[in-house]
Amino acid sequence: MDRRDVLKSAALSGLVGSLLAPSLQAVAADNPDSEAAAALKELQKAINELEAAFSSPEWKLRTRQDFAEARRVLLHVLMHGLQCWLEADPSRPFFTPFINQHKKMLGDNPDARYFSAVINDQHSYRISGNLAGATYTSFTLELGADTSGDGIGSTLNDTEFKADEHGNYEIIVSAVEQDGNWLPMTQGASSITSRHYYERENSINNDRLHHIPIDIECLQTTAPRVSPNDSDIAEGIQRVTTFVRGNVITMNAKNSPSWVSRIPNQFTPPIKDDSHTSITYAARDNVYSMAPFVLGPDQALVIRGRFPTCRFSNVVLFNRFLQTLDYEERTVSLNRAQTVLEDDGSFSMIIAHKDPGRPNWLDTEGRPYGIVFWRFQLPKGDIQPLVTEVISLA
């Protein structure tokens, strides 16, 4: 199409708009407060309430940077809500990437890709995909669109389903047991999350060319889709509002799991239990340990320990909103393939504002405080406690 055709099309669209304007005005006059308009106001209200909450004592935000990052995480959660929940139809599901270098929330991971699809427990589904060289692959049913939901339901990992010699697989998600790869449908399931972990020297999320084939389809036949009406669009906006309200959160003593340390620069012993299964978007196969770091300008935190026998493990630095620091241009995480071990197989990692001139440096970006987060996946035996020491680099 050349420039003249484009101009003609633009002129025609303007003409159509002029011709339709009187009838549209009449409709608007008869229905000034549509469901979609009310839902959009509710979303705006939720955003305004969160903005006001950032100044409350519960959030404990103190600096200009704290408030800026609070607004950033709000927008990242809103971004995923719009991408995943706005157009969601459980009878026509689709997988949406949960996180990437520029969409971070809920404890994202440089060494993993996550996908999310909206479903419901009244349907059955077929998931098709390829392992794509992953260290670990799993699927988890989520029982709520927000963190106030009922946690997680059924989980199926790659030790429990079969793939062919090329890594291809199919999984049926249904309430009735199926032959072959079967993920039992949990009552109340509202979405499904896939996890694809990699232990590589180059974190998988810095490999933009790596593709993980994955798809999902509903096994029930449905009538052809019709154009979304006012109610349909309102329901989509309401789902986005629910997701935003449930996932822009602050951690406090009341909602912190047992594996979260309240003491800066010290970890609680990693314990294998089911405490995180009540948390929506948690991973059943992981054991976690988390602690805040607080460091002066010339201080560093040394962490000594030993990786257990497990499928995957890494340590990641977060800001206070559980967003990874900049892993594109800095080393803010280390998996086992990236960690330099001592002669006895143990490790010594160092969290510092500047290069300490020794292996296993985790870069704070100069932040005086943040979060250190450990994952140990399907560990065998006990996990050795993490020993910490604050040292001076002056």
Protein backbone atom coordinates (compact mmCIF):
# COMPACT_ATOMS: atom_id res chain seq x y z
CA MET A 1 0.00 0.00 0.00
CA ASP A 2 1.48 3.37 -1.00
CA ARG A 3 1.11 6.70 0.77
CA ARG A 4 -2.00 7.70 -1.21
CA ASP A 5 -3.78 4.48 -0.21
CA VAL A 6 -2.92 5.09 3.43
CA LEU A 7 -4.34 8.62 3.23
CA LYS A 8 -7.50 7.36 1.56
CA SER A 9 -7.96 4.76 4.28
CA ALA A 10 -7.47 7.37 6.99
CA ALA A 11 -10.02 9.67 5.32
CA LEU A 12 -12.52 6.82 5.04
CA SER A 13 -12.14 5.87 8.68
CA GLY A 14 -12.76 9.48 9.63
CA LEU A 15 -15.90 9.53 7.48
CA VAL A 16 -17.21 6.36 9.09
CA GLY A 17 -16.57 7.86 12.52
CA SER A 18 -18.55 10.97 11.59
CA LEU A 19 -21.46 8.95 10.25
CA LEU A 20 -21.63 6.76 13.35
CA ALA A 21 -21.12 9.53 15.90
CA PRO A 22 -24.83 10.47 16.34
CA SER A 23 -25.90 6.89 17.06
CA LEU A 24 -22.96 6.33 19.43
CA GLN A 25 -23.86 9.48 21.32
CA ALA A 26 -27.39 8.21 21.71
CA VAL A 27 -26.17 4.92 23.15
CA ALA A 28 -23.85 6.75 25.54
CA ALA A 29 -26.72 8.94 26.70
CA ASP A 30 -28.85 5.86 27.46
CA ASN A 31 -26.02 4.06 29.25
CA PRO A 32 -23.70 6.59 30.87
CA ASP A 33 -22.32 4.14 33.49
CA SER A 34 -21.39 0.93 31.73
CA GLU A 35 -20.05 -2.10 33.56
CA ALA A 36 -16.69 -1.65 31.86
CA ALA A 37 -16.54 1.98 32.92
CA ALA A 38 -17.31 1.00 36.52
CA ALA A 39 -14.67 -1.75 36.42
CA LEU A 40 -12.06 0.67 35.08
CA LYS A 41 -12.87 3.06 37.92
CA GLU A 42 -12.34 0.19 40.36
CA LEU A 43 -8.94 -0.56 38.83
CA GLN A 44 -8.01 3.11 39.11
CA LYS A 45 -9.21 3.05 42.72
CA ALA A 46 -7.04 0.01 43.47
CA ILE A 47 -3.99 1.77 42.03
CA ASN A 48 -4.76 4.91 44.02
CA GLU A 49 -5.20 2.87 47.21
CA LEU A 50 -1.83 1.21 46.70
CA GLU A 51 -0.20 4.56 46.03
CA ALA A 52 -1.66 5.84 49.33
CA ALA A 53 -0.60 2.65 51.14
CA PHE A 54 3.03 3.19 50.13
CA SER A 55 3.10 6.09 52.60
CA SER A 56 1.64 4.01 55.45
CA PRO A 57 3.74 2.62 58.34
CA GLU A 58 3.06 -0.96 57.14
CA TRP A 59 5.19 -0.49 54.03
CA LYS A 60 8.08 1.17 55.88
CA LEU A 61 9.22 3.06 52.78
CA ARG A 62 11.78 5.68 53.71
CA THR A 63 13.72 6.92 50.72
CA ARG A 64 12.90 8.39 47.33
CA GLN A 65 14.30 5.19 45.81
CA ASP A 66 11.93 3.05 47.92
CA PHE A 67 8.89 4.92 46.65
CA ALA A 68 10.12 4.86 43.05
CA GLU A 69 10.60 1.08 43.15
CA ALA A 70 7.20 0.60 44.80
CA ARG A 71 5.59 2.32 41.82
CA ARG A 72 7.74 0.30 39.45
CA VAL A 73 6.63 -3.04 40.91
CA LEU A 74 3.02 -1.86 40.81
CA LEU A 75 3.38 -1.20 37.09
CA HIS A 76 5.13 -4.54 36.48
CA VAL A 77 2.27 -6.38 38.21
CA LEU A 78 -0.25 -4.32 36.23
CA MET A 79 1.65 -5.20 33.03
CA HIS A 80 1.31 -8.92 33.70
CA GLY A 81 -2.31 -8.50 34.75
CA LEU A 82 -3.10 -6.87 31.42
CA GLN A 83 -1.12 -9.42 29.41
CA CYS A 84 -2.45 -12.52 31.16
CA TRP A 85 -5.81 -11.75 32.78
CA LEU A 86 -7.53 -9.04 30.71
CA GLU A 87 -8.29 -11.22 27.67
CA ALA A 88 -8.30 -14.51 29.59
CA ASP A 89 -10.86 -17.13 28.62
CA PRO A 90 -10.49 -20.54 30.33
CA SER A 91 -12.08 -22.22 27.30
CA ARG A 92 -9.39 -20.66 25.06
CA PRO A 93 -6.25 -20.61 27.25
CA PHE A 94 -2.84 -19.29 26.25
CA PHE A 95 0.53 -19.20 27.99
CA THR A 96 1.97 -15.78 28.84
CA PRO A 97 5.62 -15.29 29.91
CA PHE A 98 5.44 -14.44 33.61
CA ILE A 99 8.74 -12.57 33.93
CA ASN A 100 11.64 -11.28 31.85
CA GLN A 101 14.46 -8.76 32.16
CA HIS A 102 11.92 -5.93 32.19
CA LYS A 103 8.95 -7.49 34.01
CA LYS A 104 9.86 -8.56 37.52
CA MET A 105 7.69 -9.62 40.44
CA LEU A 106 7.06 -12.24 43.12
CA GLY A 107 10.68 -13.35 43.42
CA ASP A 108 11.66 -13.71 39.76
CA ASN A 109 14.69 -15.75 38.76
CA PRO A 110 17.46 -15.10 36.18
CA ASP A 111 17.89 -18.88 35.79
CA ALA A 112 14.27 -19.75 35.02
CA ARG A 113 11.50 -19.07 32.55
CA TYR A 114 7.92 -19.10 33.81
CA PHE A 115 4.66 -19.15 31.86
CA SER A 116 1.12 -18.63 33.11
CA ALA A 117 -2.25 -19.60 31.62
CA VAL A 118 -5.73 -18.91 32.98
CA ILE A 119 -7.91 -22.02 33.36
CA ASN A 120 -10.78 -23.25 35.51
CA ASP A 121 -11.66 -26.57 37.07
CA GLN A 122 -14.69 -27.13 34.82
CA HIS A 123 -12.54 -27.89 31.78
CA SER A 124 -9.88 -30.38 30.75
CA TYR A 125 -6.73 -29.33 28.91
CA ARG A 126 -3.84 -30.63 26.86
CA ILE A 127 -0.39 -29.10 27.38
CA SER A 128 2.12 -29.66 24.57
CA GLY A 129 5.74 -28.67 24.66
CA ASN A 130 9.41 -29.50 24.58
CA LEU A 131 11.89 -29.66 27.46
CA ALA A 132 14.26 -27.43 25.46
CA GLY A 133 17.28 -28.54 27.44
CA ALA A 134 15.94 -27.43 30.82
CA THR A 135 17.49 -28.72 34.02
CA TYR A 136 13.97 -29.02 35.45
CA THR A 137 10.43 -28.54 34.11
CA SER A 138 7.18 -28.54 36.09
CA PHE A 139 3.53 -27.49 36.00
CA THR A 140 1.58 -26.23 39.02
CA LEU A 141 -2.10 -25.42 39.42
CA GLU A 142 -2.72 -22.12 41.23
CA LEU A 143 -5.81 -21.87 43.43
CA GLY A 144 -6.15 -18.09 43.32
CA ALA A 145 -5.41 -15.12 41.10
CA ASP A 146 -3.92 -13.33 44.07
CA THR A 147 -1.83 -14.11 47.15
CA SER A 148 -4.95 -14.29 49.33
CA GLY A 149 -5.98 -17.41 47.43
CA ASP A 150 -5.67 -20.94 48.74
CA GLY A 151 -2.11 -21.56 47.60
CA ILE A 152 -1.15 -24.21 45.09
CA GLY A 153 -2.81 -27.41 43.93
CA SER A 154 -1.45 -30.32 41.91
CA THR A 155 2.15 -30.23 40.67
CA LEU A 156 3.79 -32.42 38.03
CA ASN A 157 7.53 -32.29 37.38
CA ASP A 158 9.68 -33.94 34.73
CA THR A 159 10.51 -36.89 36.99
CA GLU A 160 6.79 -37.67 36.94
CA PHE A 161 5.98 -37.31 33.23
CA LYS A 162 7.59 -38.78 30.14
CA ALA A 163 9.04 -36.97 27.13
CA ASP A 164 10.20 -38.59 23.91
CA GLU A 165 13.80 -38.82 22.73
CA HIS A 166 13.55 -35.31 21.29
CA GLY A 167 12.18 -33.80 24.51
CA ASN A 168 8.59 -33.50 23.27
CA TYR A 169 5.73 -34.20 25.68
CA GLU A 170 1.97 -33.94 26.11
CA ILE A 171 0.18 -33.67 29.46
CA ILE A 172 -3.54 -33.96 30.13
CA VAL A 173 -4.98 -31.77 32.90
CA SER A 174 -8.34 -33.16 34.02
CA ALA A 175 -10.43 -34.19 37.01
CA VAL A 176 -10.69 -37.75 35.69
CA GLU A 177 -7.50 -39.82 35.71
CA GLN A 178 -5.93 -40.36 32.29
CA ASP A 179 -3.41 -42.84 30.92
CA GLY A 180 0.03 -41.40 30.30
CA ASN A 181 1.08 -37.98 31.51
CA TRP A 182 -1.68 -36.69 33.78
CA LEU A 183 -1.91 -33.60 36.01
CA PRO A 184 -4.94 -33.96 38.30
CA MET A 185 -7.28 -30.98 38.18
CA THR A 186 -7.59 -29.40 41.62
CA GLN A 187 -10.93 -27.96 42.66
CA GLY A 188 -10.73 -24.17 42.59
CA ALA A 189 -7.82 -24.00 40.14
CA SER A 190 -7.73 -20.64 38.36
CA SER A 191 -4.42 -20.74 36.50
CA ILE A 192 -1.47 -22.95 35.70
CA THR A 193 2.19 -22.01 36.03
CA SER A 194 5.05 -23.71 34.22
CA ARG A 195 8.64 -23.58 35.46
CA HIS A 196 11.72 -24.15 33.31
CA TYR A 197 14.97 -23.98 35.32
CA TYR A 198 18.45 -23.94 33.80
CA GLU A 199 21.89 -24.21 35.38
CA ARG A 200 24.21 -22.57 32.88
CA GLU A 201 27.19 -20.26 33.06
CA ASN A 202 25.10 -17.72 31.14
CA SER A 203 21.77 -17.27 32.93
CA ILE A 204 18.92 -18.41 30.71
CA ASN A 205 17.14 -15.06 30.84
CA ASN A 206 20.19 -13.41 29.31
CA ASP A 207 19.89 -15.78 26.34
CA ARG A 208 17.23 -13.98 24.36
CA LEU A 209 17.41 -16.42 21.45
CA HIS A 210 16.50 -19.45 23.55
CA HIS A 211 12.95 -20.60 22.81
CA ILE A 212 10.84 -22.91 24.95
CA PRO A 213 7.97 -24.38 22.91
CA ILE A 214 4.83 -24.60 25.04
CA ASP A 215 1.10 -24.52 24.28
CA ILE A 216 -2.20 -25.33 25.96
CA GLU A 217 -5.63 -26.12 24.55
CA CYS A 218 -9.05 -26.80 26.03
CA LEU A 219 -10.36 -30.28 25.26
CA GLN A 220 -14.02 -29.21 25.30
CA THR A 221 -15.53 -27.86 22.07
CA THR A 222 -16.81 -24.30 22.37
CA ALA A 223 -18.86 -22.11 20.07
CA PRO A 224 -16.99 -19.56 17.95
CA ARG A 225 -15.86 -16.50 19.86
CA VAL A 226 -18.14 -13.47 19.68
CA SER A 227 -17.08 -9.86 19.94
CA PRO A 228 -16.54 -8.90 23.61
CA ASN A 229 -19.40 -6.85 24.98
CA ASP A 230 -19.50 -4.38 27.85
CA SER A 231 -19.88 -7.12 30.49
CA ASP A 232 -17.07 -9.23 29.00
CA ILE A 233 -14.66 -6.30 29.06
CA ALA A 234 -15.74 -5.41 32.61
CA GLU A 235 -14.98 -8.96 33.75
CA GLY A 236 -11.52 -8.76 32.18
CA ILE A 237 -10.76 -5.48 33.94
CA GLN A 238 -11.99 -6.98 37.22
CA ARG A 239 -9.57 -9.89 36.83
CA VAL A 240 -6.73 -7.42 36.33
CA THR A 241 -7.80 -5.52 39.46
CA THR A 242 -7.84 -8.75 41.48
CA PHE A 243 -4.35 -9.64 40.30
CA VAL A 244 -2.96 -6.18 41.08
CA ARG A 245 -4.53 -6.02 44.54
CA GLY A 246 -3.28 -9.48 45.40
CA ASN A 247 0.27 -9.23 44.15
CA VAL A 248 1.54 -5.77 45.06
CA ILE A 249 2.32 -6.74 48.63
CA THR A 250 4.71 -6.05 51.46
CA MET A 251 6.14 -8.75 53.70
CA ASN A 252 5.69 -8.37 57.43
CA ALA A 253 5.88 -10.55 60.52
CA LYS A 254 2.27 -11.70 60.07
CA ASN A 255 2.60 -13.08 56.54
CA SER A 256 6.26 -14.13 56.47
CA PRO A 257 6.93 -17.90 56.21
CA SER A 258 9.25 -19.63 58.67
CA TRP A 259 12.14 -19.59 56.17
CA VAL A 260 12.25 -15.79 56.15
CA SER A 261 14.79 -14.33 58.59
CA ARG A 262 13.93 -11.08 60.34
CA ILE A 263 17.58 -10.54 61.35
CA PRO A 264 19.78 -8.71 58.81
CA ASN A 265 22.69 -10.70 57.38
CA GLN A 266 21.61 -13.99 59.01
CA PHE A 267 19.64 -16.93 57.60
CA THR A 268 17.26 -19.30 59.29
CA PRO A 269 18.23 -22.93 58.59
CA PRO A 270 16.66 -24.16 55.32
CA ILE A 271 13.96 -26.67 56.28
CA LYS A 272 12.09 -29.07 54.01
CA ASP A 273 8.41 -28.60 54.86
CA ASP A 274 5.12 -27.65 53.21
CA SER A 275 4.94 -24.08 54.55
CA HIS A 276 5.14 -22.52 51.08
CA THR A 277 2.38 -24.64 49.53
CA SER A 278 -0.16 -22.22 51.01
CA ILE A 279 1.46 -19.39 49.02
CA THR A 280 0.05 -18.84 45.54
CA TYR A 281 2.82 -18.99 42.89
CA ALA A 282 5.23 -20.87 45.21
CA ALA A 283 6.99 -24.01 43.94
CA ARG A 284 6.24 -27.26 45.74
CA ASP A 285 9.61 -28.81 44.87
CA ASN A 286 11.71 -25.93 46.24
CA VAL A 287 13.16 -25.31 49.67
CA TYR A 288 13.73 -21.62 50.33
CA SER A 289 15.79 -19.45 52.65
CA MET A 290 15.66 -15.66 52.69
CA ALA A 291 17.22 -12.85 54.71
CA PRO A 292 17.70 -9.09 54.42
CA PHE A 293 21.19 -7.74 53.87
CA VAL A 294 22.21 -4.40 55.38
CA LEU A 295 25.72 -3.16 54.58
CA GLY A 296 27.69 0.02 55.09
CA PRO A 297 29.74 1.62 52.28
CA ASP A 298 32.87 -0.44 52.99
CA GLN A 299 31.22 -3.57 54.34
CA ALA A 300 30.61 -6.93 52.69
CA LEU A 301 28.63 -10.03 53.65
CA VAL A 302 30.41 -13.37 53.31
CA ILE A 303 28.18 -16.47 53.04
CA ARG A 304 29.71 -19.91 53.51
CA GLY A 305 27.92 -23.16 52.87
CA ARG A 306 27.63 -26.27 50.74
CA PHE A 307 25.19 -27.10 47.99
CA PRO A 308 23.12 -30.19 48.79
CA THR A 309 22.50 -32.95 46.29
CA CYS A 310 19.58 -31.51 44.36
CA ARG A 311 18.19 -30.80 40.89
CA PHE A 312 18.89 -27.06 40.96
CA SER A 313 20.13 -24.37 43.33
CA ASN A 314 20.90 -20.68 43.17
CA VAL A 315 21.11 -17.50 45.21
CA VAL A 316 19.59 -14.21 44.01
CA LEU A 317 19.65 -10.61 45.19
CA PHE A 318 16.27 -8.82 45.30
CA ASN A 319 15.14 -5.35 46.14
CA ARG A 320 12.63 -5.10 48.97
CA PHE A 321 9.78 -5.80 46.51
CA LEU A 322 11.15 -9.23 45.49
CA GLN A 323 12.40 -8.01 42.14
CA THR A 324 15.80 -9.20 40.98
CA LEU A 325 18.51 -6.59 40.65
CA ASP A 326 20.00 -5.96 37.20
CA TYR A 327 21.23 -9.36 35.99
CA GLU A 328 21.75 -8.20 32.41
CA GLU A 329 24.86 -6.17 33.22
CA ARG A 330 25.80 -7.27 36.76
CA THR A 331 26.26 -10.51 38.66
CA VAL A 332 23.37 -10.49 41.10
CA SER A 333 22.78 -14.26 41.20
CA LEU A 334 24.82 -17.45 41.16
CA ASN A 335 23.73 -20.97 40.30
CA ARG A 336 25.94 -24.04 40.81
CA ALA A 337 27.41 -23.84 37.30
CA GLN A 338 28.48 -20.24 37.98
CA THR A 339 29.88 -20.78 41.49
CA VAL A 340 33.57 -21.35 42.15
CA LEU A 341 33.89 -24.03 44.85
CA GLU A 342 36.58 -24.50 47.47
CA ASP A 343 38.81 -27.60 47.35
CA ASP A 344 36.51 -29.37 49.82
CA GLY A 345 33.42 -28.70 47.69
CA SER A 346 32.04 -25.88 49.85
CA PHE A 347 31.49 -22.32 48.66
CA SER A 348 32.25 -18.85 49.93
CA MET A 349 30.16 -16.06 48.38
CA ILE A 350 30.55 -12.36 49.02
CA ILE A 351 27.89 -9.66 48.74
CA ALA A 352 29.52 -6.27 48.30
CA HIS A 353 29.03 -2.83 46.76
CA LYS A 354 32.29 -3.07 44.81
CA ASP A 355 34.45 -5.83 43.37
CA PRO A 356 36.26 -7.46 46.31
CA GLY A 357 38.79 -9.14 44.01
CA ARG A 358 37.70 -12.67 44.87
CA PRO A 359 35.37 -15.25 43.27
CA ASN A 360 31.61 -15.42 43.71
CA TRP A 361 30.94 -11.70 44.05
CA LEU A 362 27.26 -10.70 44.18
CA ASP A 363 26.87 -7.05 43.19
CA THR A 364 24.51 -4.95 45.38
CA GLU A 365 24.40 -2.12 42.81
CA GLY A 366 25.56 0.04 45.72
CA ARG A 367 22.31 -0.54 47.63
CA PRO A 368 22.66 -0.30 51.41
CA TYR A 369 19.96 -2.93 51.90
CA GLY A 370 18.10 -5.62 49.98
CA ILE A 371 17.18 -9.30 50.13
CA VAL A 372 19.20 -12.50 49.66
CA PHE A 373 17.10 -15.42 48.43
CA TRP A 374 18.13 -19.10 48.13
CA ARG A 375 16.46 -21.93 46.22
CA PHE A 376 17.25 -25.61 46.76
CA GLN A 377 15.21 -27.82 44.43
CA LEU A 378 14.30 -31.41 45.29
CA PRO A 379 17.17 -31.65 47.79
CA LYS A 380 18.24 -35.01 49.17
CA GLY A 381 19.26 -35.14 52.81
CA ASP A 382 19.76 -32.16 55.08
CA ILE A 383 20.82 -28.74 53.82
CA GLN A 384 23.89 -27.38 55.56
CA PRO A 385 23.18 -24.11 57.44
CA LEU A 386 24.42 -20.95 55.75
CA VAL A 387 27.09 -19.25 57.86
CA THR A 388 27.48 -15.49 57.49
CA GLU A 389 30.03 -12.88 58.45
CA VAL A 390 30.10 -9.13 57.87
CA ILE A 391 33.62 -7.97 57.00
CA SER A 392 35.28 -4.67 56.15
CA LEU A 393 36.71 -4.02 52.67
CA ALA A 394 38.25 -0.66 53.67
